[in-house]
Amino acid sequence: MAISYNKLWKLLIDKGIKKTELKTLAGVSTNVIAKLGKNNPVSMETLAKICTALNCDISDIVEMTGDTGNGGK
Protein backbone atom coordinates (compact mmCIF):
# COMPACT_ATOMS: atom_id res chain seq x y z
CA MET A 1 0.00 0.00 0.00
CA ALA A 2 1.18 3.47 -0.83
CA ILE A 3 0.07 6.90 0.30
CA SER A 4 -1.26 9.44 -2.16
CA TYR A 5 -1.86 13.12 -1.46
CA ASN A 6 -3.47 13.81 -4.85
CA LYS A 7 -6.72 14.66 -3.07
CA LEU A 8 -4.86 17.37 -1.14
CA TRP A 9 -3.52 18.99 -4.30
CA LYS A 10 -6.97 18.91 -5.90
CA LEU A 11 -8.50 20.46 -2.79
CA LEU A 12 -5.91 23.25 -2.83
CA ILE A 13 -6.73 23.98 -6.48
CA ASP A 14 -10.46 24.04 -5.68
CA LYS A 15 -9.88 26.46 -2.80
CA GLY A 16 -7.38 28.58 -4.76
CA ILE A 17 -4.60 27.96 -2.22
CA LYS A 18 -0.94 27.60 -3.20
CA LYS A 19 1.48 25.22 -1.49
CA THR A 20 3.34 28.15 0.06
CA GLU A 21 0.07 29.45 1.50
CA LEU A 22 -0.72 26.00 2.90
CA LYS A 23 2.66 25.98 4.61
CA THR A 24 1.80 29.22 6.41
CA LEU A 25 -1.85 28.37 7.13
CA ALA A 26 -1.05 24.95 8.59
CA GLY A 27 2.20 25.95 10.29
CA VAL A 28 4.25 23.23 8.62
CA SER A 29 7.76 23.32 7.19
CA THR A 30 8.92 23.43 3.61
CA ASN A 31 10.32 19.94 4.21
CA VAL A 32 6.82 18.65 5.02
CA ILE A 33 5.42 20.15 1.82
CA ALA A 34 8.25 18.46 -0.10
CA LYS A 35 7.43 15.09 1.52
CA LEU A 36 3.78 15.50 0.62
CA GLY A 37 4.79 16.31 -2.95
CA LYS A 38 6.68 13.02 -3.14
CA ASN A 39 3.84 11.05 -1.50
CA ASN A 40 6.10 10.26 1.45
CA PRO A 41 4.55 9.56 4.86
CA VAL A 42 4.14 12.44 7.32
CA SER A 43 2.94 12.40 10.92
CA MET A 44 -0.71 12.32 11.92
CA GLU A 45 -0.07 15.59 13.76
CA THR A 46 0.95 17.20 10.47
CA LEU A 47 -2.11 15.85 8.68
CA ALA A 48 -4.29 17.13 11.52
CA LYS A 49 -2.76 20.62 11.17
CA ILE A 50 -3.50 20.60 7.44
CA CYS A 51 -7.07 19.39 7.99
CA THR A 52 -7.64 22.11 10.58
CA ALA A 53 -6.24 24.78 8.25
CA LEU A 54 -8.38 23.59 5.33
CA ASN A 55 -11.44 22.75 7.45
CA CYS A 56 -11.63 19.23 6.06
CA ASP A 57 -11.39 15.59 7.07
CA ILE A 58 -8.29 13.45 6.64
CA SER A 59 -10.07 11.38 3.99
CA ASP A 60 -10.34 14.59 1.95
CA ILE A 61 -6.55 14.91 1.63
CA VAL A 62 -4.98 11.44 1.77
CA GLU A 63 -5.74 8.01 0.37
CA MET A 64 -4.14 4.60 0.34
CA THR A 65 -3.42 3.15 -3.08
CA GLY A 66 -2.63 -0.39 -4.15
CA ASP A 67 0.58 0.68 -5.89
CA THR A 68 3.64 0.86 -3.65
CA GLY A 69 5.54 3.02 -6.14
CA ASN A 70 8.78 2.59 -4.20
CA GLY A 71 9.89 -0.98 -4.76
CA GLY A 72 7.88 -2.37 -1.87
CA LYS A 73 9.52 -0.29 0.84
PDB file of N, CA and C in Angstrom:
ATOM      1  N   MET A   1       0.830  -1.189   0.000  1.00  0.00           N
ATOM      2  CA  MET A   1       0.000   0.000   0.000  1.00  0.00           C
ATOM      3  C   MET A   1       0.874   1.253   0.000  1.00  0.00           C
ATOM      4  N   ALA A   2       0.457   2.203  -0.765  1.00  0.00           N
ATOM      5  CA  ALA A   2       1.183   3.469  -0.828  1.00  0.00           C
ATOM      6  C   ALA A   2       0.231   4.610  -0.465  1.00  0.00           C
ATOM      7  N   ILE A   3       0.830   5.713  -0.069  1.00  0.00           N
ATOM      8  CA  ILE A   3       0.071   6.899   0.301  1.00  0.00           C
ATOM      9  C   ILE A   3       0.024   7.843  -0.887  1.00  0.00           C
ATOM     10  N   SER A   4      -1.131   8.440  -1.109  1.00  0.00           N
ATOM     11  CA  SER A   4      -1.260   9.440  -2.163  1.00  0.00           C
ATOM     12  C   SER A   4      -1.910  10.694  -1.586  1.00  0.00           C
ATOM     13  N   TYR A   5      -1.315  11.840  -1.894  1.00  0.00           N
ATOM     14  CA  TYR A   5      -1.861  13.118  -1.457  1.00  0.00           C
ATOM     15  C   TYR A   5      -2.500  13.871  -2.631  1.00  0.00           C
ATOM     16  N   ASN A   6      -2.845  13.164  -3.693  1.00  0.00           N
ATOM     17  CA  ASN A   6      -3.467  13.810  -4.849  1.00  0.00           C
ATOM     18  C   ASN A   6      -4.749  14.555  -4.468  1.00  0.00           C
ATOM     19  N   LYS A   7      -5.491  13.991  -3.520  1.00  0.00           N
ATOM     20  CA  LYS A   7      -6.715  14.659  -3.066  1.00  0.00           C
ATOM     21  C   LYS A   7      -6.392  16.022  -2.445  1.00  0.00           C
ATOM     22  N   LEU A   8      -5.283  16.096  -1.738  1.00  0.00           N
ATOM     23  CA  LEU A   8      -4.864  17.366  -1.135  1.00  0.00           C
ATOM     24  C   LEU A   8      -4.606  18.406  -2.208  1.00  0.00           C
ATOM     25  N   TRP A   9      -3.867  18.032  -3.245  1.00  0.00           N
ATOM     26  CA  TRP A   9      -3.525  18.989  -4.302  1.00  0.00           C
ATOM     27  C   TRP A   9      -4.780  19.441  -5.039  1.00  0.00           C
ATOM     28  N   LYS A  10      -5.719  18.532  -5.252  1.00  0.00           N
ATOM     29  CA  LYS A  10      -6.972  18.905  -5.902  1.00  0.00           C
ATOM     30  C   LYS A  10      -7.780  19.860  -5.024  1.00  0.00           C
ATOM     31  N   LEU A  11      -7.780  19.594  -3.720  1.00  0.00           N
ATOM     32  CA  LEU A  11      -8.501  20.463  -2.791  1.00  0.00           C
ATOM     33  C   LEU A  11      -7.896  21.867  -2.777  1.00  0.00           C
ATOM     34  N   LEU A  12      -6.568  21.939  -2.797  1.00  0.00           N
ATOM     35  CA  LEU A  12      -5.909  23.249  -2.833  1.00  0.00           C
ATOM     36  C   LEU A  12      -6.297  24.023  -4.090  1.00  0.00           C
ATOM     37  N   ILE A  13      -6.337  23.336  -5.212  1.00  0.00           N
ATOM     38  CA  ILE A  13      -6.733  23.981  -6.477  1.00  0.00           C
ATOM     39  C   ILE A  13      -8.174  24.492  -6.361  1.00  0.00           C
ATOM     40  N   ASP A  14      -9.063  23.647  -5.823  1.00  0.00           N
ATOM     41  CA  ASP A  14     -10.464  24.036  -5.679  1.00  0.00           C
ATOM     42  C   ASP A  14     -10.634  25.264  -4.784  1.00  0.00           C
ATOM     43  N   LYS A  15      -9.781  25.351  -3.748  1.00  0.00           N
ATOM     44  CA  LYS A  15      -9.877  26.462  -2.801  1.00  0.00           C
ATOM     45  C   LYS A  15      -9.015  27.657  -3.220  1.00  0.00           C
ATOM     46  N   GLY A  16      -8.238  27.498  -4.295  1.00  0.00           N
ATOM     47  CA  GLY A  16      -7.378  28.581  -4.756  1.00  0.00           C
ATOM     48  C   GLY A  16      -6.218  28.863  -3.823  1.00  0.00           C
ATOM     49  N   ILE A  17      -5.695  27.817  -3.189  1.00  0.00           N
ATOM     50  CA  ILE A  17      -4.596  27.958  -2.223  1.00  0.00           C
ATOM     51  C   ILE A  17      -3.329  27.355  -2.824  1.00  0.00           C
ATOM     52  N   LYS A  18      -2.234  28.090  -2.718  1.00  0.00           N
ATOM     53  CA  LYS A  18      -0.945  27.597  -3.205  1.00  0.00           C
ATOM     54  C   LYS A  18      -0.235  26.836  -2.093  1.00  0.00           C
ATOM     55  N   LYS A  19       0.735  26.025  -2.479  1.00  0.00           N
ATOM     56  CA  LYS A  19       1.479  25.223  -1.494  1.00  0.00           C
ATOM     57  C   LYS A  19       2.150  26.109  -0.456  1.00  0.00           C
ATOM     58  N   THR A  20       2.679  27.249  -0.888  1.00  0.00           N
ATOM     59  CA  THR A  20       3.341  28.154   0.061  1.00  0.00           C
ATOM     60  C   THR A  20       2.329  28.728   1.059  1.00  0.00           C
ATOM     61  N   GLU A  21       1.116  28.968   0.593  1.00  0.00           N
ATOM     62  CA  GLU A  21       0.069  29.446   1.497  1.00  0.00           C
ATOM     63  C   GLU A  21      -0.324  28.352   2.485  1.00  0.00           C
ATOM     64  N   LEU A  22      -0.402  27.124   2.019  1.00  0.00           N
ATOM     65  CA  LEU A  22      -0.723  25.999   2.896  1.00  0.00           C
ATOM     66  C   LEU A  22       0.312  25.887   4.003  1.00  0.00           C
ATOM     67  N   LYS A  23       1.568  26.050   3.632  1.00  0.00           N
ATOM     68  CA  LYS A  23       2.662  25.982   4.608  1.00  0.00           C
ATOM     69  C   LYS A  23       2.419  26.964   5.752  1.00  0.00           C
ATOM     70  N   THR A  24       2.049  28.179   5.409  1.00  0.00           N
ATOM     71  CA  THR A  24       1.803  29.215   6.415  1.00  0.00           C
ATOM     72  C   THR A  24       0.516  28.941   7.197  1.00  0.00           C
ATOM     73  N   LEU A  25      -0.556  28.621   6.483  1.00  0.00           N
ATOM     74  CA  LEU A  25      -1.852  28.373   7.127  1.00  0.00           C
ATOM     75  C   LEU A  25      -1.787  27.226   8.138  1.00  0.00           C
ATOM     76  N   ALA A  26      -1.098  26.146   7.752  1.00  0.00           N
ATOM     77  CA  ALA A  26      -1.052  24.945   8.590  1.00  0.00           C
ATOM     78  C   ALA A  26       0.109  24.966   9.584  1.00  0.00           C
ATOM     79  N   GLY A  27       1.051  25.884   9.382  1.00  0.00           N
ATOM     80  CA  GLY A  27       2.200  25.949  10.287  1.00  0.00           C
ATOM     81  C   GLY A  27       3.129  24.759  10.134  1.00  0.00           C
ATOM     82  N   VAL A  28       3.343  24.353   8.887  1.00  0.00           N
ATOM     83  CA  VAL A  28       4.249  23.228   8.618  1.00  0.00           C
ATOM     84  C   VAL A  28       5.474  23.732   7.861  1.00  0.00           C
ATOM     85  N   SER A  29       6.500  22.920   7.818  1.00  0.00           N
ATOM     86  CA  SER A  29       7.755  23.321   7.192  1.00  0.00           C
ATOM     87  C   SER A  29       7.758  23.055   5.686  1.00  0.00           C
ATOM     88  N   THR A  30       8.716  23.665   5.032  1.00  0.00           N
ATOM     89  CA  THR A  30       8.924  23.430   3.610  1.00  0.00           C
ATOM     90  C   THR A  30       9.238  21.954   3.377  1.00  0.00           C
ATOM     91  N   ASN A  31       9.963  21.355   4.303  1.00  0.00           N
ATOM     92  CA  ASN A  31      10.316  19.939   4.208  1.00  0.00           C
ATOM     93  C   ASN A  31       9.062  19.055   4.187  1.00  0.00           C
ATOM     94  N   VAL A  32       8.073  19.411   4.990  1.00  0.00           N
ATOM     95  CA  VAL A  32       6.822  18.654   5.023  1.00  0.00           C
ATOM     96  C   VAL A  32       6.102  18.761   3.680  1.00  0.00           C
ATOM     97  N   ILE A  33       6.066  19.954   3.125  1.00  0.00           N
ATOM     98  CA  ILE A  33       5.417  20.151   1.824  1.00  0.00           C
ATOM     99  C   ILE A  33       6.136  19.317   0.758  1.00  0.00           C
ATOM    100  N   ALA A  34       7.464  19.260   0.848  1.00  0.00           N
ATOM    101  CA  ALA A  34       8.246  18.455  -0.101  1.00  0.00           C
ATOM    102  C   ALA A  34       7.917  16.970   0.056  1.00  0.00           C
ATOM    103  N   LYS A  35       7.795  16.495   1.282  1.00  0.00           N
ATOM    104  CA  LYS A  35       7.435  15.088   1.523  1.00  0.00           C
ATOM    105  C   LYS A  35       6.055  14.778   0.947  1.00  0.00           C
ATOM    106  N   LEU A  36       5.131  15.697   1.158  1.00  0.00           N
ATOM    107  CA  LEU A  36       3.784  15.503   0.623  1.00  0.00           C
ATOM    108  C   LEU A  36       3.826  15.431  -0.901  1.00  0.00           C
ATOM    109  N   GLY A  37       4.653  16.281  -1.499  1.00  0.00           N
ATOM    110  CA  GLY A  37       4.785  16.305  -2.948  1.00  0.00           C
ATOM    111  C   GLY A  37       5.337  15.017  -3.527  1.00  0.00           C
ATOM    112  N   LYS A  38       6.102  14.289  -2.709  1.00  0.00           N
ATOM    113  CA  LYS A  38       6.685  13.019  -3.141  1.00  0.00           C
ATOM    114  C   LYS A  38       5.871  11.823  -2.649  1.00  0.00           C
ATOM    115  N   ASN A  39       4.700  12.099  -2.067  1.00  0.00           N
ATOM    116  CA  ASN A  39       3.839  11.050  -1.497  1.00  0.00           C
ATOM    117  C   ASN A  39       4.550  10.235  -0.426  1.00  0.00           C
ATOM    118  N   ASN A  40       5.422  10.906   0.329  1.00  0.00           N
ATOM    119  CA  ASN A  40       6.100  10.256   1.450  1.00  0.00           C
ATOM    120  C   ASN A  40       5.242  10.405   2.703  1.00  0.00           C
ATOM    121  N   PRO A  41       5.368   9.464   3.641  1.00  0.00           N
ATOM    122  CA  PRO A  41       4.554   9.557   4.862  1.00  0.00           C
ATOM    123  C   PRO A  41       4.936  10.774   5.710  1.00  0.00           C
ATOM    124  N   VAL A  42       3.937  11.370   6.336  1.00  0.00           N
ATOM    125  CA  VAL A  42       4.139  12.436   7.316  1.00  0.00           C
ATOM    126  C   VAL A  42       3.344  12.062   8.562  1.00  0.00           C
ATOM    127  N   SER A  43       3.585  12.751   9.654  1.00  0.00           N
ATOM    128  CA  SER A  43       2.938  12.401  10.920  1.00  0.00           C
ATOM    129  C   SER A  43       1.447  12.724  10.902  1.00  0.00           C
ATOM    130  N   MET A  44       0.727  12.036  11.765  1.00  0.00           N
ATOM    131  CA  MET A  44      -0.705  12.316  11.918  1.00  0.00           C
ATOM    132  C   MET A  44      -0.907  13.738  12.426  1.00  0.00           C
ATOM    133  N   GLU A  45       0.009  14.212  13.251  1.00  0.00           N
ATOM    134  CA  GLU A  45      -0.070  15.586  13.759  1.00  0.00           C
ATOM    135  C   GLU A  45      -0.029  16.582  12.599  1.00  0.00           C
ATOM    136  N   THR A  46       0.848  16.333  11.647  1.00  0.00           N
ATOM    137  CA  THR A  46       0.952  17.197  10.469  1.00  0.00           C
ATOM    138  C   THR A  46      -0.335  17.160   9.656  1.00  0.00           C
ATOM    139  N   LEU A  47      -0.864  15.973   9.428  1.00  0.00           N
ATOM    140  CA  LEU A  47      -2.109  15.846   8.676  1.00  0.00           C
ATOM    141  C   LEU A  47      -3.255  16.548   9.401  1.00  0.00           C
ATOM    142  N   ALA A  48      -3.251  16.461  10.730  1.00  0.00           N
ATOM    143  CA  ALA A  48      -4.287  17.132  11.519  1.00  0.00           C
ATOM    144  C   ALA A  48      -4.180  18.648  11.371  1.00  0.00           C
ATOM    145  N   LYS A  49      -2.968  19.179  11.357  1.00  0.00           N
ATOM    146  CA  LYS A  49      -2.764  20.622  11.172  1.00  0.00           C
ATOM    147  C   LYS A  49      -3.306  21.069   9.815  1.00  0.00           C
ATOM    148  N   ILE A  50      -3.030  20.267   8.792  1.00  0.00           N
ATOM    149  CA  ILE A  50      -3.499  20.600   7.443  1.00  0.00           C
ATOM    150  C   ILE A  50      -5.018  20.545   7.387  1.00  0.00           C
ATOM    151  N   CYS A  51      -5.612  19.513   7.979  1.00  0.00           N
ATOM    152  CA  CYS A  51      -7.067  19.393   7.992  1.00  0.00           C
ATOM    153  C   CYS A  51      -7.713  20.563   8.727  1.00  0.00           C
ATOM    154  N   THR A  52      -7.120  20.977   9.825  1.00  0.00           N
ATOM    155  CA  THR A  52      -7.639  22.114  10.578  1.00  0.00           C
ATOM    156  C   THR A  52      -7.564  23.382   9.737  1.00  0.00           C
ATOM    157  N   ALA A  53      -6.427  23.587   9.077  1.00  0.00           N
ATOM    158  CA  ALA A  53      -6.241  24.782   8.255  1.00  0.00           C
ATOM    159  C   ALA A  53      -7.211  24.825   7.081  1.00  0.00           C
ATOM    160  N   LEU A  54      -7.509  23.660   6.508  1.00  0.00           N
ATOM    161  CA  LEU A  54      -8.375  23.594   5.333  1.00  0.00           C
ATOM    162  C   LEU A  54      -9.832  23.292   5.679  1.00  0.00           C
ATOM    163  N   ASN A  55     -10.096  23.080   6.982  1.00  0.00           N
ATOM    164  CA  ASN A  55     -11.441  22.755   7.447  1.00  0.00           C
ATOM    165  C   ASN A  55     -11.996  21.542   6.699  1.00  0.00           C
ATOM    166  N   CYS A  56     -11.234  20.454   6.752  1.00  0.00           N
ATOM    167  CA  CYS A  56     -11.630  19.233   6.055  1.00  0.00           C
ATOM    168  C   CYS A  56     -11.291  18.011   6.900  1.00  0.00           C
ATOM    169  N   ASP A  57     -11.671  16.863   6.410  1.00  0.00           N
ATOM    170  CA  ASP A  57     -11.393  15.588   7.074  1.00  0.00           C
ATOM    171  C   ASP A  57     -10.160  14.959   6.439  1.00  0.00           C
ATOM    172  N   ILE A  58      -9.503  14.080   7.158  1.00  0.00           N
ATOM    173  CA  ILE A  58      -8.286  13.445   6.640  1.00  0.00           C
ATOM    174  C   ILE A  58      -8.562  12.684   5.341  1.00  0.00           C
ATOM    175  N   SER A  59      -9.745  12.122   5.212  1.00  0.00           N
ATOM    176  CA  SER A  59     -10.070  11.383   3.987  1.00  0.00           C
ATOM    177  C   SER A  59     -10.203  12.310   2.783  1.00  0.00           C
ATOM    178  N   ASP A  60     -10.273  13.618   3.039  1.00  0.00           N
ATOM    179  CA  ASP A  60     -10.340  14.590   1.951  1.00  0.00           C
ATOM    180  C   ASP A  60      -8.962  14.923   1.373  1.00  0.00           C
ATOM    181  N   ILE A  61      -7.893  14.523   2.082  1.00  0.00           N
ATOM    182  CA  ILE A  61      -6.550  14.909   1.634  1.00  0.00           C
ATOM    183  C   ILE A  61      -5.590  13.749   1.393  1.00  0.00           C
ATOM    184  N   VAL A  62      -5.900  12.575   1.916  1.00  0.00           N
ATOM    185  CA  VAL A  62      -4.984  11.442   1.768  1.00  0.00           C
ATOM    186  C   VAL A  62      -5.767  10.176   1.445  1.00  0.00           C
ATOM    187  N   GLU A  63      -5.127   9.306   0.650  1.00  0.00           N
ATOM    188  CA  GLU A  63      -5.739   8.012   0.366  1.00  0.00           C
ATOM    189  C   GLU A  63      -4.653   6.953   0.235  1.00  0.00           C
ATOM    190  N   MET A  64      -5.043   5.738   0.499  1.00  0.00           N
ATOM    191  CA  MET A  64      -4.141   4.604   0.343  1.00  0.00           C
ATOM    192  C   MET A  64      -4.385   4.017  -1.039  1.00  0.00           C
ATOM    193  N   THR A  65      -3.303   3.732  -1.752  1.00  0.00           N
ATOM    194  CA  THR A  65      -3.424   3.149  -3.083  1.00  0.00           C
ATOM    195  C   THR A  65      -2.801   1.764  -3.077  1.00  0.00           C
ATOM    196  N   GLY A  66      -3.149   0.965  -4.059  1.00  0.00           N
ATOM    197  CA  GLY A  66      -2.628  -0.389  -4.148  1.00  0.00           C
ATOM    198  C   GLY A  66      -1.204  -0.437  -4.665  1.00  0.00           C
ATOM    199  N   ASP A  67      -0.755   0.627  -5.304  1.00  0.00           N
ATOM    200  CA  ASP A  67       0.577   0.679  -5.894  1.00  0.00           C
ATOM    201  C   ASP A  67       1.578   1.195  -4.872  1.00  0.00           C
ATOM    202  N   THR A  68       2.636   0.419  -4.619  1.00  0.00           N
ATOM    203  CA  THR A  68       3.638   0.859  -3.654  1.00  0.00           C
ATOM    204  C   THR A  68       4.491   1.978  -4.217  1.00  0.00           C
ATOM    205  N   GLY A  69       4.819   1.940  -5.495  1.00  0.00           N
ATOM    206  CA  GLY A  69       5.535   3.018  -6.141  1.00  0.00           C
ATOM    207  C   GLY A  69       6.955   3.236  -5.673  1.00  0.00           C
ATOM    208  N   ASN A  70       7.428   2.408  -4.714  1.00  0.00           N
ATOM    209  CA  ASN A  70       8.778   2.595  -4.205  1.00  0.00           C
ATOM    210  C   ASN A  70       9.496   1.263  -3.995  1.00  0.00           C
ATOM    211  N   GLY A  71       9.197   0.311  -4.841  1.00  0.00           N
ATOM    212  CA  GLY A  71       9.894  -0.976  -4.761  1.00  0.00           C
ATOM    213  C   GLY A  71       9.506  -1.819  -3.573  1.00  0.00           C
ATOM    214  N   GLY A  72       8.337  -1.568  -2.993  1.00  0.00           N
ATOM    215  CA  GLY A  72       7.878  -2.365  -1.868  1.00  0.00           C
ATOM    216  C   GLY A  72       8.375  -1.912  -0.522  1.00  0.00           C
ATOM    217  N   LYS A  73       9.015  -0.774  -0.451  1.00  0.00           N
ATOM    218  CA  LYS A  73       9.515  -0.292   0.838  1.00  0.00           C
ATOM    219  C   LYS A  73       8.391   0.246   1.678  1.00  0.00           C
TER     220      LYS A  73
END
